């Protein structure tokens, strides 16, 4: 079976829609991501012993594996939350998409 090349996907949430768009834009301009998508969601969790339900925006991004540490660092610097959720997954993708991600990120 042929192995496919790998990229990373990154998931985070942020409370304000404009911040989600601004985060994506900054990461695109700095070539840390090839693309980003955001959509509204409702999050439920326990924070400081209190049950929370709030509207947030999911931000889902695609990037090159080599940029993982820089991407995480930049999201941490930007993020307003005390404990931001930053999830990174290595995923296989088709060769033409892998090449496109590389072209967009300069990797």
C-alpha atoms as a PDB file:
ATOM      1  CA  UNK A   1       0.000   0.000   0.000  1.00  0.00           C
ATOM      2  CA  UNK A   2       1.339   3.425  -0.946  1.00  0.00           C
ATOM      3  CA  UNK A   3       1.952   5.797   1.945  1.00  0.00           C
ATOM      4  CA  UNK A   4       0.649   9.326   1.656  1.00  0.00           C
ATOM      5  CA  UNK A   5       2.533  12.478   2.657  1.00  0.00           C
ATOM      6  CA  UNK A   6       1.642  14.124   5.969  1.00  0.00           C
ATOM      7  CA  UNK A   7       0.678  17.621   7.036  1.00  0.00           C
ATOM      8  CA  UNK A   8      -0.672  18.878  10.344  1.00  0.00           C
ATOM      9  CA  UNK A   9      -4.097  20.159  11.235  1.00  0.00           C
ATOM     10  CA  UNK A  10      -4.553  22.499  14.164  1.00  0.00           C
ATOM     11  CA  UNK A  11      -7.740  23.064  16.158  1.00  0.00           C
ATOM     12  CA  UNK A  12      -8.400  25.862  18.619  1.00  0.00           C
ATOM     13  CA  UNK A  13     -11.400  27.812  19.871  1.00  0.00           C
ATOM     14  CA  UNK A  14     -11.738  31.524  20.488  1.00  0.00           C
ATOM     15  CA  UNK A  15     -14.612  33.561  21.907  1.00  0.00           C
ATOM     16  CA  UNK A  16     -14.917  36.403  19.379  1.00  0.00           C
ATOM     17  CA  UNK A  17     -15.586  35.835  15.671  1.00  0.00           C
ATOM     18  CA  UNK A  18     -13.429  38.789  14.624  1.00  0.00           C
ATOM     19  CA  UNK A  19     -10.521  37.370  16.645  1.00  0.00           C
ATOM     20  CA  UNK A  20     -10.899  34.042  14.858  1.00  0.00           C
ATOM     21  CA  UNK A  21     -10.662  35.806  11.489  1.00  0.00           C
ATOM     22  CA  UNK A  22      -7.760  37.958  12.681  1.00  0.00           C
ATOM     23  CA  UNK A  23      -5.857  34.894  13.941  1.00  0.00           C
ATOM     24  CA  UNK A  24      -6.274  33.134  10.600  1.00  0.00           C
ATOM     25  CA  UNK A  25      -5.233  36.245   8.687  1.00  0.00           C
ATOM     26  CA  UNK A  26      -2.089  36.750  10.790  1.00  0.00           C
ATOM     27  CA  UNK A  27      -1.082  33.102  10.424  1.00  0.00           C
ATOM     28  CA  UNK A  28      -1.658  33.226   6.653  1.00  0.00           C
ATOM     29  CA  UNK A  29       0.401  36.416   6.305  1.00  0.00           C
ATOM     30  CA  UNK A  30       3.273  34.890   8.263  1.00  0.00           C
ATOM     31  CA  UNK A  31       3.027  31.681   6.188  1.00  0.00           C
ATOM     32  CA  UNK A  32       2.501  29.531   9.268  1.00  0.00           C
ATOM     33  CA  UNK A  33      -0.673  28.024   7.790  1.00  0.00           C
ATOM     34  CA  UNK A  34      -1.842  27.262   4.274  1.00  0.00           C
ATOM     35  CA  UNK A  35      -5.510  27.842   5.097  1.00  0.00           C
ATOM     36  CA  UNK A  36      -7.898  28.270   7.969  1.00  0.00           C
ATOM     37  CA  UNK A  37     -11.617  27.798   8.517  1.00  0.00           C
ATOM     38  CA  UNK A  38     -13.790  29.054  11.360  1.00  0.00           C
ATOM     39  CA  UNK A  39     -17.346  28.356  12.426  1.00  0.00           C
ATOM     40  CA  UNK A  40     -19.547  29.044  15.461  1.00  0.00           C
ATOM     41  CA  UNK A  41     -19.942  26.447  18.195  1.00  0.00           C
ATOM     42  CA  UNK A  42     -21.250  26.135  21.735  1.00  0.00           C
ATOM     43  CA  UNK A  43     -18.746  24.906  24.310  1.00  0.00           C
ATOM     44  CA  UNK A  44     -19.598  23.387  27.668  1.00  0.00           C
ATOM     45  CA  UNK A  45     -16.982  22.790  30.347  1.00  0.00           C
ATOM     46  CA  UNK A  46     -16.129  23.191  34.011  1.00  0.00           C
ATOM     47  CA  UNK A  47     -13.964  26.225  34.868  1.00  0.00           C
ATOM     48  CA  UNK A  48     -12.989  26.946  38.482  1.00  0.00           C
ATOM     49  CA  UNK A  49     -15.701  24.563  39.750  1.00  0.00           C
ATOM     50  CA  UNK A  50     -18.393  26.329  37.708  1.00  0.00           C
ATOM     51  CA  UNK A  51     -20.326  24.788  34.802  1.00  0.00           C
ATOM     52  CA  UNK A  52     -19.911  26.994  31.730  1.00  0.00           C
ATOM     53  CA  UNK A  53     -21.823  27.050  28.453  1.00  0.00           C
ATOM     54  CA  UNK A  54     -20.695  29.709  26.010  1.00  0.00           C
ATOM     55  CA  UNK A  55     -20.591  30.523  22.339  1.00  0.00           C
ATOM     56  CA  UNK A  56     -17.157  30.281  20.751  1.00  0.00           C
ATOM     57  CA  UNK A  57     -15.642  29.971  17.310  1.00  0.00           C
ATOM     58  CA  UNK A  58     -13.753  26.892  16.212  1.00  0.00           C
ATOM     59  CA  UNK A  59     -10.629  27.648  14.190  1.00  0.00           C
ATOM     60  CA  UNK A  60      -9.312  24.752  12.081  1.00  0.00           C
ATOM     61  CA  UNK A  61      -6.072  25.188  10.163  1.00  0.00           C
ATOM     62  CA  UNK A  62      -3.752  23.202   7.908  1.00  0.00           C
ATOM     63  CA  UNK A  63       0.031  23.548   7.870  1.00  0.00           C
ATOM     64  CA  UNK A  64       3.358  21.831   7.276  1.00  0.00           C
ATOM     65  CA  UNK A  65       4.732  19.495   9.942  1.00  0.00           C
ATOM     66  CA  UNK A  66       7.964  21.516  10.112  1.00  0.00           C
ATOM     67  CA  UNK A  67       6.019  24.573  11.332  1.00  0.00           C
ATOM     68  CA  UNK A  68       4.324  22.884  14.291  1.00  0.00           C
ATOM     69  CA  UNK A  69       6.309  24.491  17.135  1.00  0.00           C
ATOM     70  CA  UNK A  70       6.247  27.983  15.595  1.00  0.00           C
ATOM     71  CA  UNK A  71       2.504  27.673  14.941  1.00  0.00           C
ATOM     72  CA  UNK A  72       1.771  26.624  18.532  1.00  0.00           C
ATOM     73  CA  UNK A  73       3.918  29.468  19.872  1.00  0.00           C
ATOM     74  CA  UNK A  74       2.212  32.079  17.686  1.00  0.00           C
ATOM     75  CA  UNK A  75      -1.282  30.872  18.668  1.00  0.00           C
ATOM     76  CA  UNK A  76      -0.318  30.987  22.378  1.00  0.00           C
ATOM     77  CA  UNK A  77       0.985  34.545  21.965  1.00  0.00           C
ATOM     78  CA  UNK A  78      -2.229  35.655  20.212  1.00  0.00           C
ATOM     79  CA  UNK A  79      -4.757  33.765  22.315  1.00  0.00           C
ATOM     80  CA  UNK A  80      -6.706  35.653  25.022  1.00  0.00           C
ATOM     81  CA  UNK A  81      -7.535  32.523  27.082  1.00  0.00           C
ATOM     82  CA  UNK A  82      -5.516  31.570  30.176  1.00  0.00           C
ATOM     83  CA  UNK A  83      -5.611  27.941  29.017  1.00  0.00           C
ATOM     84  CA  UNK A  84      -6.127  27.832  25.252  1.00  0.00           C
ATOM     85  CA  UNK A  85      -6.974  24.552  23.581  1.00  0.00           C
ATOM     86  CA  UNK A  86      -4.407  23.956  20.835  1.00  0.00           C
ATOM     87  CA  UNK A  87      -4.702  20.502  19.293  1.00  0.00           C
ATOM     88  CA  UNK A  88      -2.303  19.320  16.590  1.00  0.00           C
ATOM     89  CA  UNK A  89      -2.868  16.211  14.486  1.00  0.00           C
ATOM     90  CA  UNK A  90      -0.584  14.705  11.865  1.00  0.00           C
ATOM     91  CA  UNK A  91      -2.744  13.610   8.950  1.00  0.00           C
ATOM     92  CA  UNK A  92      -2.127  11.966   5.611  1.00  0.00           C
ATOM     93  CA  UNK A  93      -3.243  13.797   2.509  1.00  0.00           C
ATOM     94  CA  UNK A  94      -3.122  13.522  -1.255  1.00  0.00           C
ATOM     95  CA  UNK A  95       0.127  14.580  -2.928  1.00  0.00           C
ATOM     96  CA  UNK A  96      -1.297  17.600  -4.753  1.00  0.00           C
ATOM     97  CA  UNK A  97      -2.690  19.017  -1.479  1.00  0.00           C
ATOM     98  CA  UNK A  98       0.616  18.347   0.290  1.00  0.00           C
ATOM     99  CA  UNK A  99       2.436  20.243  -2.463  1.00  0.00           C
ATOM    100  CA  UNK A 100      -0.060  23.131  -2.217  1.00  0.00           C
ATOM    101  CA  UNK A 101       0.439  23.379   1.569  1.00  0.00           C
ATOM    102  CA  UNK A 102       4.185  23.451   0.979  1.00  0.00           C
ATOM    103  CA  UNK A 103       3.838  26.194  -1.629  1.00  0.00           C
ATOM    104  CA  UNK A 104       1.648  28.318   0.669  1.00  0.00           C
ATOM    105  CA  UNK A 105       3.933  27.935   3.686  1.00  0.00           C
ATOM    106  CA  UNK A 106       7.279  28.025   1.893  1.00  0.00           C
ATOM    107  CA  UNK A 107       8.288  24.593   3.179  1.00  0.00           C
END
